[in-house]
Amino acid sequence: MLKAPAYPTTVMPFTWLDQMISFQPWAMPLYVSLWVYVSLPPALLATRRELYRYGMAMAGTCLAGLIVFYFWPTAVPAADIDWARYPEVGFLKSVDAAGNAFPSLHVATAIFSGIWLDRLLRRFGAPQWSRLFNWMWCIGIIYSTLATRQHVALDVWAGLMLGGVAAWLSLRHRAYAALTPGRI
């Protein structure tokens, strides 16, 4: 879908928030840290059943984003930046092209993982600082999507909605399933 969209691509507009947040190459490690961050909740799940539910919910979140990408291909506006000056970000741009911007699956999976991780940390009675660190990391990843110019604010907003709703639904289903043994 990224290389050959089925429909014409819409370039997402810049908002006042996009104009306030300048390009910040130091945010790249935060952006890439998503891949570690999303592995934390499944690593803390106690049973295969929980892991299966989590995996299905995360897959559903990503599938919802892919459906939007198929029917409404979007891209971030071209940035007036010489990527050769920032090779690590330039590499990201070559691997993760500017398409499939809305909703940001980077943000959706970060907020989904953040909500799940918060729930798990509370369940384990983890110290308050660990929950605060979780949210600081999650917010940092979300911020990095704007600071690296991979997304615009509208993409972030849609990713927050997608990931937040998916996490809420999956945790609600998880609580229901815990009350009704024998259900998957």
N, C-alpha and C. Protein backbone atom coordinates (compact mmCIF):
# COMPACT_ATOMS: atom_id res chain seq x y z
N MET A 1 0.82 -1.20 0.00
CA MET A 1 0.00 0.00 0.00
C MET A 1 0.86 1.26 0.00
N LEU A 2 2.05 1.17 0.60
CA LEU A 2 2.91 2.33 0.68
C LEU A 2 3.50 2.69 -0.69
N LYS A 3 3.92 1.67 -1.42
CA LYS A 3 4.58 1.90 -2.71
C LYS A 3 3.60 2.12 -3.85
N ALA A 4 2.44 1.47 -3.80
CA ALA A 4 1.45 1.59 -4.88
C ALA A 4 0.05 1.72 -4.28
N PRO A 5 -0.31 2.93 -3.81
CA PRO A 5 -1.64 3.10 -3.20
C PRO A 5 -2.77 2.85 -4.19
N ALA A 6 -3.86 2.33 -3.65
CA ALA A 6 -5.03 2.01 -4.48
C ALA A 6 -5.80 3.25 -4.90
N TYR A 7 -5.66 4.33 -4.16
CA TYR A 7 -6.39 5.57 -4.43
C TYR A 7 -5.42 6.74 -4.38
N PRO A 8 -5.83 7.90 -4.85
CA PRO A 8 -4.94 9.07 -4.79
C PRO A 8 -4.55 9.39 -3.34
N THR A 9 -3.31 9.80 -3.17
CA THR A 9 -2.77 10.09 -1.84
C THR A 9 -3.09 11.52 -1.44
N THR A 10 -3.58 11.68 -0.22
CA THR A 10 -3.86 12.99 0.36
C THR A 10 -2.67 13.41 1.21
N VAL A 11 -2.18 14.61 1.00
CA VAL A 11 -1.11 15.14 1.85
C VAL A 11 -1.78 15.80 3.05
N MET A 12 -1.39 15.35 4.23
CA MET A 12 -1.99 15.87 5.46
C MET A 12 -1.52 17.31 5.70
N PRO A 13 -2.39 18.15 6.24
CA PRO A 13 -2.00 19.56 6.45
C PRO A 13 -1.21 19.75 7.74
N PHE A 14 -0.38 20.76 7.75
CA PHE A 14 0.29 21.21 8.97
C PHE A 14 -0.71 21.99 9.80
N THR A 15 -0.63 21.86 11.10
CA THR A 15 -1.46 22.65 12.02
C THR A 15 -0.54 23.57 12.82
N TRP A 16 -1.14 24.37 13.66
CA TRP A 16 -0.35 25.26 14.52
C TRP A 16 0.61 24.46 15.40
N LEU A 17 0.20 23.25 15.84
CA LEU A 17 1.06 22.43 16.68
C LEU A 17 2.28 21.95 15.90
N ASP A 18 2.09 21.57 14.65
CA ASP A 18 3.21 21.16 13.80
C ASP A 18 4.19 22.30 13.61
N GLN A 19 3.68 23.50 13.51
CA GLN A 19 4.55 24.67 13.34
C GLN A 19 5.30 24.99 14.63
N MET A 20 4.72 24.69 15.77
CA MET A 20 5.37 24.95 17.06
C MET A 20 6.51 23.97 17.33
N ILE A 21 6.37 22.72 16.86
CA ILE A 21 7.37 21.69 17.12
C ILE A 21 8.31 21.61 15.92
N SER A 22 9.52 22.04 16.13
CA SER A 22 10.50 22.03 15.03
C SER A 22 11.10 20.63 14.89
N PHE A 23 11.79 20.43 13.77
CA PHE A 23 12.50 19.18 13.56
C PHE A 23 13.60 19.06 14.61
N GLN A 24 13.65 17.90 15.28
CA GLN A 24 14.61 17.68 16.36
C GLN A 24 15.23 16.30 16.20
N PRO A 25 16.42 16.23 15.60
CA PRO A 25 17.04 14.93 15.32
C PRO A 25 17.33 14.12 16.58
N TRP A 26 17.48 14.78 17.73
CA TRP A 26 17.73 14.05 18.98
C TRP A 26 16.56 13.14 19.35
N ALA A 27 15.38 13.35 18.75
CA ALA A 27 14.19 12.55 19.07
C ALA A 27 14.21 11.19 18.38
N MET A 28 15.15 10.98 17.49
CA MET A 28 15.21 9.71 16.75
C MET A 28 15.30 8.48 17.66
N PRO A 29 16.19 8.46 18.68
CA PRO A 29 16.22 7.29 19.57
C PRO A 29 14.88 7.01 20.25
N LEU A 30 14.16 8.07 20.61
CA LEU A 30 12.82 7.86 21.19
C LEU A 30 11.89 7.22 20.18
N TYR A 31 11.95 7.70 18.93
CA TYR A 31 11.09 7.16 17.88
C TYR A 31 11.36 5.67 17.69
N VAL A 32 12.62 5.30 17.62
CA VAL A 32 13.01 3.90 17.39
C VAL A 32 12.73 3.03 18.62
N SER A 33 12.72 3.65 19.81
CA SER A 33 12.49 2.87 21.03
C SER A 33 11.11 2.25 21.10
N LEU A 34 10.23 2.64 20.20
CA LEU A 34 8.89 2.01 20.17
C LEU A 34 9.00 0.49 20.13
N TRP A 35 9.98 -0.02 19.38
CA TRP A 35 10.07 -1.47 19.19
C TRP A 35 10.42 -2.19 20.48
N VAL A 36 11.12 -1.53 21.38
CA VAL A 36 11.37 -2.10 22.71
C VAL A 36 10.11 -1.92 23.56
N TYR A 37 9.55 -0.73 23.51
CA TYR A 37 8.40 -0.38 24.34
C TYR A 37 7.21 -1.31 24.12
N VAL A 38 6.89 -1.60 22.86
CA VAL A 38 5.72 -2.45 22.59
C VAL A 38 5.95 -3.91 23.00
N SER A 39 7.19 -4.28 23.25
CA SER A 39 7.46 -5.66 23.69
C SER A 39 7.28 -5.84 25.19
N LEU A 40 7.19 -4.76 25.94
CA LEU A 40 7.09 -4.87 27.40
C LEU A 40 5.77 -5.47 27.89
N PRO A 41 4.60 -4.98 27.45
CA PRO A 41 3.37 -5.59 27.96
C PRO A 41 3.27 -7.10 27.69
N PRO A 42 3.54 -7.58 26.46
CA PRO A 42 3.43 -9.03 26.27
C PRO A 42 4.45 -9.81 27.10
N ALA A 43 5.61 -9.20 27.37
CA ALA A 43 6.63 -9.89 28.19
C ALA A 43 6.16 -10.07 29.63
N LEU A 44 5.22 -9.23 30.07
CA LEU A 44 4.75 -9.29 31.45
C LEU A 44 3.46 -10.09 31.62
N LEU A 45 2.90 -10.58 30.54
CA LEU A 45 1.65 -11.33 30.64
C LEU A 45 1.92 -12.73 31.19
N ALA A 46 1.01 -13.20 32.04
CA ALA A 46 1.24 -14.42 32.80
C ALA A 46 0.88 -15.70 32.06
N THR A 47 -0.10 -15.65 31.18
CA THR A 47 -0.56 -16.88 30.55
C THR A 47 -0.61 -16.73 29.03
N ARG A 48 -0.63 -17.87 28.37
CA ARG A 48 -0.79 -17.86 26.91
C ARG A 48 -2.11 -17.24 26.51
N ARG A 49 -3.10 -17.47 27.29
CA ARG A 49 -4.43 -16.92 27.00
C ARG A 49 -4.40 -15.39 26.99
N GLU A 50 -3.73 -14.80 28.00
CA GLU A 50 -3.59 -13.35 28.03
C GLU A 50 -2.78 -12.85 26.84
N LEU A 51 -1.71 -13.56 26.53
CA LEU A 51 -0.86 -13.18 25.41
C LEU A 51 -1.65 -13.25 24.09
N TYR A 52 -2.46 -14.26 23.94
CA TYR A 52 -3.30 -14.40 22.76
C TYR A 52 -4.27 -13.22 22.65
N ARG A 53 -4.92 -12.89 23.75
CA ARG A 53 -5.88 -11.77 23.73
C ARG A 53 -5.17 -10.46 23.39
N TYR A 54 -4.02 -10.27 24.03
CA TYR A 54 -3.25 -9.06 23.76
C TYR A 54 -2.85 -9.00 22.27
N GLY A 55 -2.31 -10.10 21.77
CA GLY A 55 -1.87 -10.14 20.38
C GLY A 55 -3.01 -9.89 19.40
N MET A 56 -4.17 -10.45 19.68
CA MET A 56 -5.32 -10.24 18.80
C MET A 56 -5.77 -8.78 18.84
N ALA A 57 -5.75 -8.19 20.02
CA ALA A 57 -6.16 -6.79 20.14
C ALA A 57 -5.17 -5.87 19.42
N MET A 58 -3.88 -6.15 19.58
CA MET A 58 -2.86 -5.33 18.89
C MET A 58 -2.97 -5.53 17.38
N ALA A 59 -3.17 -6.76 16.94
CA ALA A 59 -3.33 -7.03 15.51
C ALA A 59 -4.56 -6.32 14.96
N GLY A 60 -5.64 -6.32 15.72
CA GLY A 60 -6.86 -5.62 15.30
C GLY A 60 -6.63 -4.12 15.17
N THR A 61 -5.85 -3.57 16.09
CA THR A 61 -5.52 -2.14 16.04
C THR A 61 -4.77 -1.83 14.74
N CYS A 62 -3.76 -2.62 14.45
CA CYS A 62 -2.96 -2.41 13.24
C CYS A 62 -3.79 -2.65 11.98
N LEU A 63 -4.64 -3.66 12.00
CA LEU A 63 -5.50 -3.94 10.85
C LEU A 63 -6.44 -2.77 10.58
N ALA A 64 -6.99 -2.17 11.63
CA ALA A 64 -7.86 -1.01 11.45
C ALA A 64 -7.10 0.12 10.76
N GLY A 65 -5.86 0.35 11.19
CA GLY A 65 -5.04 1.38 10.54
C GLY A 65 -4.76 1.04 9.09
N LEU A 66 -4.46 -0.22 8.79
CA LEU A 66 -4.18 -0.63 7.41
C LEU A 66 -5.40 -0.48 6.51
N ILE A 67 -6.58 -0.70 7.06
CA ILE A 67 -7.80 -0.51 6.28
C ILE A 67 -7.95 0.96 5.90
N VAL A 68 -7.70 1.85 6.86
CA VAL A 68 -7.75 3.29 6.56
C VAL A 68 -6.71 3.62 5.50
N PHE A 69 -5.49 3.09 5.65
CA PHE A 69 -4.42 3.35 4.67
C PHE A 69 -4.84 2.91 3.27
N TYR A 70 -5.52 1.79 3.17
CA TYR A 70 -5.91 1.28 1.86
C TYR A 70 -6.92 2.22 1.19
N PHE A 71 -7.98 2.57 1.93
CA PHE A 71 -9.06 3.35 1.33
C PHE A 71 -8.77 4.85 1.31
N TRP A 72 -7.87 5.33 2.19
CA TRP A 72 -7.53 6.74 2.21
C TRP A 72 -6.02 6.90 2.41
N PRO A 73 -5.24 6.69 1.35
CA PRO A 73 -3.80 6.84 1.48
C PRO A 73 -3.45 8.30 1.81
N THR A 74 -2.56 8.46 2.75
CA THR A 74 -2.16 9.80 3.18
C THR A 74 -0.64 9.88 3.26
N ALA A 75 -0.13 11.09 3.25
CA ALA A 75 1.31 11.32 3.37
C ALA A 75 1.54 12.60 4.16
N VAL A 76 2.71 12.68 4.78
CA VAL A 76 3.08 13.92 5.46
C VAL A 76 3.64 14.88 4.41
N PRO A 77 3.50 16.17 4.65
CA PRO A 77 4.07 17.13 3.71
C PRO A 77 5.59 17.00 3.65
N ALA A 78 6.15 17.27 2.51
CA ALA A 78 7.61 17.23 2.37
C ALA A 78 8.23 18.30 3.26
N ALA A 79 9.23 17.91 4.00
CA ALA A 79 9.92 18.85 4.89
C ALA A 79 11.07 19.50 4.14
N ASP A 80 11.29 20.74 4.42
CA ASP A 80 12.39 21.48 3.80
C ASP A 80 13.66 21.26 4.63
N ILE A 81 14.11 19.99 4.64
CA ILE A 81 15.26 19.60 5.46
C ILE A 81 16.21 18.80 4.58
N ASP A 82 17.49 19.08 4.71
CA ASP A 82 18.52 18.32 3.99
C ASP A 82 18.81 17.06 4.82
N TRP A 83 18.19 15.95 4.44
CA TRP A 83 18.31 14.71 5.22
C TRP A 83 19.74 14.18 5.23
N ALA A 84 20.56 14.58 4.28
CA ALA A 84 21.97 14.15 4.27
C ALA A 84 22.70 14.66 5.52
N ARG A 85 22.23 15.75 6.10
CA ARG A 85 22.84 16.29 7.32
C ARG A 85 22.48 15.45 8.55
N TYR A 86 21.45 14.64 8.42
CA TYR A 86 20.97 13.81 9.54
C TYR A 86 20.82 12.38 9.04
N PRO A 87 21.93 11.65 8.89
CA PRO A 87 21.88 10.33 8.25
C PRO A 87 20.96 9.33 8.93
N GLU A 88 20.87 9.36 10.27
CA GLU A 88 20.00 8.41 10.96
C GLU A 88 18.53 8.68 10.65
N VAL A 89 18.15 9.93 10.57
CA VAL A 89 16.77 10.27 10.21
C VAL A 89 16.56 10.05 8.71
N GLY A 90 17.58 10.35 7.92
CA GLY A 90 17.50 10.09 6.48
C GLY A 90 17.29 8.62 6.19
N PHE A 91 17.96 7.76 6.96
CA PHE A 91 17.76 6.32 6.80
C PHE A 91 16.32 5.95 7.12
N LEU A 92 15.78 6.50 8.21
CA LEU A 92 14.38 6.25 8.56
C LEU A 92 13.46 6.67 7.43
N LYS A 93 13.72 7.83 6.87
CA LYS A 93 12.89 8.33 5.77
C LYS A 93 12.96 7.41 4.55
N SER A 94 14.11 6.78 4.32
CA SER A 94 14.23 5.89 3.16
C SER A 94 13.53 4.56 3.40
N VAL A 95 13.47 4.13 4.66
CA VAL A 95 12.84 2.86 5.00
C VAL A 95 11.34 3.04 5.21
N ASP A 96 10.97 4.08 5.95
CA ASP A 96 9.58 4.35 6.30
C ASP A 96 9.16 5.61 5.57
N ALA A 97 8.78 5.46 4.31
CA ALA A 97 8.46 6.61 3.48
C ALA A 97 7.32 7.43 4.08
N ALA A 98 7.04 8.54 3.45
CA ALA A 98 6.09 9.50 4.00
C ALA A 98 4.62 9.07 3.88
N GLY A 99 4.34 7.93 3.31
CA GLY A 99 2.95 7.50 3.13
C GLY A 99 2.37 6.83 4.36
N ASN A 100 1.11 6.50 4.27
CA ASN A 100 0.39 5.82 5.36
C ASN A 100 0.54 6.58 6.67
N ALA A 101 0.20 7.86 6.62
CA ALA A 101 0.42 8.73 7.77
C ALA A 101 -0.76 8.72 8.75
N PHE A 102 -1.98 8.69 8.25
CA PHE A 102 -3.18 8.85 9.09
C PHE A 102 -3.97 7.57 9.15
N PRO A 103 -4.16 7.00 10.31
CA PRO A 103 -3.66 7.39 11.63
C PRO A 103 -2.22 6.91 11.81
N SER A 104 -1.52 7.53 12.73
CA SER A 104 -0.16 7.09 13.02
C SER A 104 -0.22 5.77 13.79
N LEU A 105 0.24 4.70 13.16
CA LEU A 105 0.30 3.42 13.88
C LEU A 105 1.41 3.43 14.90
N HIS A 106 2.39 4.28 14.72
CA HIS A 106 3.44 4.43 15.73
C HIS A 106 2.80 4.93 17.03
N VAL A 107 1.95 5.93 16.91
CA VAL A 107 1.26 6.49 18.08
C VAL A 107 0.22 5.50 18.60
N ALA A 108 -0.53 4.88 17.71
CA ALA A 108 -1.57 3.94 18.14
C ALA A 108 -0.99 2.79 18.95
N THR A 109 0.13 2.23 18.48
CA THR A 109 0.71 1.10 19.21
C THR A 109 1.40 1.56 20.48
N ALA A 110 1.92 2.80 20.50
CA ALA A 110 2.53 3.32 21.72
C ALA A 110 1.48 3.54 22.80
N ILE A 111 0.37 4.18 22.47
CA ILE A 111 -0.65 4.45 23.49
C ILE A 111 -1.33 3.15 23.93
N PHE A 112 -1.55 2.25 22.99
CA PHE A 112 -2.11 0.93 23.32
C PHE A 112 -1.20 0.24 24.33
N SER A 113 0.10 0.21 24.04
CA SER A 113 1.07 -0.44 24.94
C SER A 113 1.16 0.30 26.27
N GLY A 114 1.12 1.63 26.22
CA GLY A 114 1.19 2.41 27.45
C GLY A 114 0.03 2.13 28.39
N ILE A 115 -1.15 2.03 27.84
CA ILE A 115 -2.33 1.74 28.66
C ILE A 115 -2.25 0.34 29.24
N TRP A 116 -1.88 -0.63 28.41
CA TRP A 116 -1.74 -2.00 28.90
C TRP A 116 -0.64 -2.11 29.95
N LEU A 117 0.49 -1.46 29.69
CA LEU A 117 1.60 -1.52 30.63
C LEU A 117 1.22 -0.89 31.96
N ASP A 118 0.51 0.22 31.91
CA ASP A 118 0.04 0.85 33.15
C ASP A 118 -0.85 -0.10 33.94
N ARG A 119 -1.76 -0.76 33.24
CA ARG A 119 -2.66 -1.72 33.91
C ARG A 119 -1.87 -2.86 34.54
N LEU A 120 -0.88 -3.38 33.81
CA LEU A 120 -0.06 -4.48 34.34
C LEU A 120 0.79 -4.03 35.53
N LEU A 121 1.37 -2.84 35.44
CA LEU A 121 2.17 -2.33 36.56
C LEU A 121 1.31 -2.16 37.82
N ARG A 122 0.10 -1.67 37.64
CA ARG A 122 -0.82 -1.55 38.80
C ARG A 122 -1.16 -2.92 39.34
N ARG A 123 -1.40 -3.87 38.44
CA ARG A 123 -1.74 -5.23 38.87
C ARG A 123 -0.61 -5.85 39.70
N PHE A 124 0.63 -5.56 39.32
CA PHE A 124 1.77 -6.13 40.04
C PHE A 124 2.15 -5.31 41.27
N GLY A 125 1.47 -4.21 41.52
CA GLY A 125 1.81 -3.36 42.65
C GLY A 125 3.15 -2.67 42.48
N ALA A 126 3.51 -2.36 41.25
CA ALA A 126 4.79 -1.71 40.95
C ALA A 126 4.82 -0.32 41.57
N PRO A 127 6.01 0.18 41.88
CA PRO A 127 6.10 1.51 42.47
C PRO A 127 5.59 2.60 41.53
N GLN A 128 5.15 3.69 42.11
CA GLN A 128 4.58 4.80 41.34
C GLN A 128 5.56 5.34 40.30
N TRP A 129 6.87 5.37 40.63
CA TRP A 129 7.84 5.90 39.68
C TRP A 129 7.87 5.10 38.39
N SER A 130 7.59 3.77 38.47
CA SER A 130 7.61 2.95 37.25
C SER A 130 6.43 3.29 36.34
N ARG A 131 5.31 3.61 36.94
CA ARG A 131 4.15 4.02 36.13
C ARG A 131 4.40 5.39 35.51
N LEU A 132 5.02 6.28 36.27
CA LEU A 132 5.36 7.60 35.74
C LEU A 132 6.37 7.47 34.60
N PHE A 133 7.37 6.62 34.76
CA PHE A 133 8.35 6.38 33.70
C PHE A 133 7.67 5.83 32.45
N ASN A 134 6.73 4.91 32.65
CA ASN A 134 5.97 4.35 31.53
C ASN A 134 5.32 5.47 30.73
N TRP A 135 4.62 6.39 31.41
CA TRP A 135 3.91 7.45 30.71
C TRP A 135 4.86 8.46 30.09
N MET A 136 5.98 8.72 30.74
CA MET A 136 6.97 9.63 30.15
C MET A 136 7.54 9.04 28.87
N TRP A 137 7.82 7.74 28.88
CA TRP A 137 8.34 7.07 27.69
C TRP A 137 7.31 7.10 26.57
N CYS A 138 6.06 6.79 26.91
CA CYS A 138 4.99 6.78 25.91
C CYS A 138 4.82 8.17 25.30
N ILE A 139 4.78 9.19 26.12
CA ILE A 139 4.64 10.56 25.62
C ILE A 139 5.84 10.95 24.78
N GLY A 140 7.03 10.51 25.19
CA GLY A 140 8.24 10.78 24.42
C GLY A 140 8.17 10.17 23.03
N ILE A 141 7.68 8.94 22.94
CA ILE A 141 7.54 8.30 21.63
C ILE A 141 6.54 9.06 20.78
N ILE A 142 5.42 9.44 21.37
CA ILE A 142 4.40 10.19 20.63
C ILE A 142 4.97 11.52 20.14
N TYR A 143 5.65 12.23 21.03
CA TYR A 143 6.28 13.50 20.66
C TYR A 143 7.28 13.30 19.52
N SER A 144 8.04 12.21 19.58
CA SER A 144 9.08 11.97 18.57
C SER A 144 8.50 11.82 17.16
N THR A 145 7.25 11.39 17.05
CA THR A 145 6.66 11.26 15.71
C THR A 145 6.51 12.62 15.05
N LEU A 146 6.27 13.65 15.85
CA LEU A 146 6.19 15.01 15.32
C LEU A 146 7.59 15.61 15.15
N ALA A 147 8.47 15.37 16.12
CA ALA A 147 9.80 15.99 16.11
C ALA A 147 10.71 15.41 15.02
N THR A 148 10.42 14.19 14.56
CA THR A 148 11.20 13.61 13.46
C THR A 148 10.55 13.87 12.11
N ARG A 149 9.40 14.52 12.12
CA ARG A 149 8.65 14.83 10.92
C ARG A 149 8.12 13.59 10.20
N GLN A 150 7.90 12.52 10.97
CA GLN A 150 7.29 11.32 10.40
C GLN A 150 5.77 11.47 10.31
N HIS A 151 5.21 12.32 11.17
CA HIS A 151 3.76 12.53 11.20
C HIS A 151 3.46 13.99 11.51
N VAL A 152 2.21 14.35 11.25
CA VAL A 152 1.70 15.66 11.65
C VAL A 152 0.69 15.45 12.77
N ALA A 153 0.28 16.54 13.38
CA ALA A 153 -0.57 16.48 14.57
C ALA A 153 -1.88 15.72 14.31
N LEU A 154 -2.47 15.86 13.14
CA LEU A 154 -3.72 15.14 12.85
C LEU A 154 -3.50 13.62 12.85
N ASP A 155 -2.35 13.18 12.35
CA ASP A 155 -2.02 11.75 12.38
C ASP A 155 -1.90 11.27 13.82
N VAL A 156 -1.25 12.10 14.65
CA VAL A 156 -1.05 11.75 16.05
C VAL A 156 -2.40 11.65 16.76
N TRP A 157 -3.25 12.64 16.53
CA TRP A 157 -4.58 12.63 17.15
C TRP A 157 -5.35 11.35 16.78
N ALA A 158 -5.34 11.01 15.51
CA ALA A 158 -6.05 9.80 15.06
C ALA A 158 -5.41 8.54 15.66
N GLY A 159 -4.09 8.50 15.75
CA GLY A 159 -3.41 7.37 16.38
C GLY A 159 -3.77 7.24 17.85
N LEU A 160 -3.86 8.37 18.55
CA LEU A 160 -4.27 8.34 19.96
C LEU A 160 -5.68 7.78 20.11
N MET A 161 -6.57 8.20 19.22
CA MET A 161 -7.95 7.70 19.28
C MET A 161 -8.00 6.20 18.98
N LEU A 162 -7.33 5.78 17.92
CA LEU A 162 -7.34 4.36 17.53
C LEU A 162 -6.74 3.50 18.64
N GLY A 163 -5.55 3.82 19.09
CA GLY A 163 -4.89 3.03 20.12
C GLY A 163 -5.60 3.07 21.46
N GLY A 164 -6.11 4.25 21.82
CA GLY A 164 -6.83 4.39 23.09
C GLY A 164 -8.12 3.59 23.12
N VAL A 165 -8.89 3.69 22.06
CA VAL A 165 -10.15 2.94 22.00
C VAL A 165 -9.87 1.44 21.96
N ALA A 166 -8.88 1.03 21.18
CA ALA A 166 -8.55 -0.40 21.09
C ALA A 166 -8.09 -0.95 22.44
N ALA A 167 -7.27 -0.19 23.15
CA ALA A 167 -6.81 -0.63 24.47
C ALA A 167 -7.99 -0.72 25.44
N TRP A 168 -8.83 0.30 25.43
CA TRP A 168 -9.99 0.30 26.33
C TRP A 168 -10.89 -0.90 26.05
N LEU A 169 -11.18 -1.14 24.77
CA LEU A 169 -12.03 -2.28 24.41
C LEU A 169 -11.38 -3.61 24.80
N SER A 170 -10.09 -3.74 24.55
CA SER A 170 -9.42 -5.01 24.85
C SER A 170 -9.32 -5.25 26.35
N LEU A 171 -9.08 -4.21 27.12
CA LEU A 171 -9.02 -4.39 28.57
C LEU A 171 -10.41 -4.61 29.16
N ARG A 172 -11.39 -3.99 28.56
CA ARG A 172 -12.77 -4.23 28.99
C ARG A 172 -13.16 -5.68 28.71
N HIS A 173 -12.79 -6.17 27.52
CA HIS A 173 -13.05 -7.56 27.15
C HIS A 173 -12.29 -8.49 28.07
N ARG A 174 -11.05 -8.11 28.41
CA ARG A 174 -10.21 -8.91 29.30
C ARG A 174 -10.87 -9.04 30.68
N ALA A 175 -11.41 -7.94 31.18
CA ALA A 175 -12.08 -7.98 32.49
C ALA A 175 -13.33 -8.85 32.42
N TYR A 176 -14.09 -8.75 31.32
CA TYR A 176 -15.28 -9.57 31.15
C TYR A 176 -14.90 -11.05 31.08
N ALA A 177 -13.83 -11.34 30.31
CA ALA A 177 -13.41 -12.73 30.17
C ALA A 177 -12.94 -13.31 31.51
N ALA A 178 -12.34 -12.49 32.36
CA ALA A 178 -11.89 -12.96 33.67
C ALA A 178 -13.08 -13.33 34.56
N LEU A 179 -14.21 -12.66 34.33
CA LEU A 179 -15.42 -12.93 35.12
C LEU A 179 -16.17 -14.15 34.60
N THR A 180 -15.90 -14.57 33.36
CA THR A 180 -16.61 -15.69 32.76
C THR A 180 -15.60 -16.75 32.33
N PRO A 181 -15.18 -17.63 33.24
CA PRO A 181 -14.19 -18.65 32.89
C PRO A 181 -14.65 -19.52 31.72
N GLY A 182 -13.68 -19.97 30.95
CA GLY A 182 -13.98 -20.84 29.80
C GLY A 182 -14.13 -20.07 28.51
N ARG A 183 -14.23 -18.73 28.60
CA ARG A 183 -14.34 -17.92 27.38
C ARG A 183 -12.95 -17.49 26.95
N ILE A 184 -12.75 -17.34 25.65
CA ILE A 184 -11.47 -16.85 25.14
C ILE A 184 -11.52 -15.39 24.92
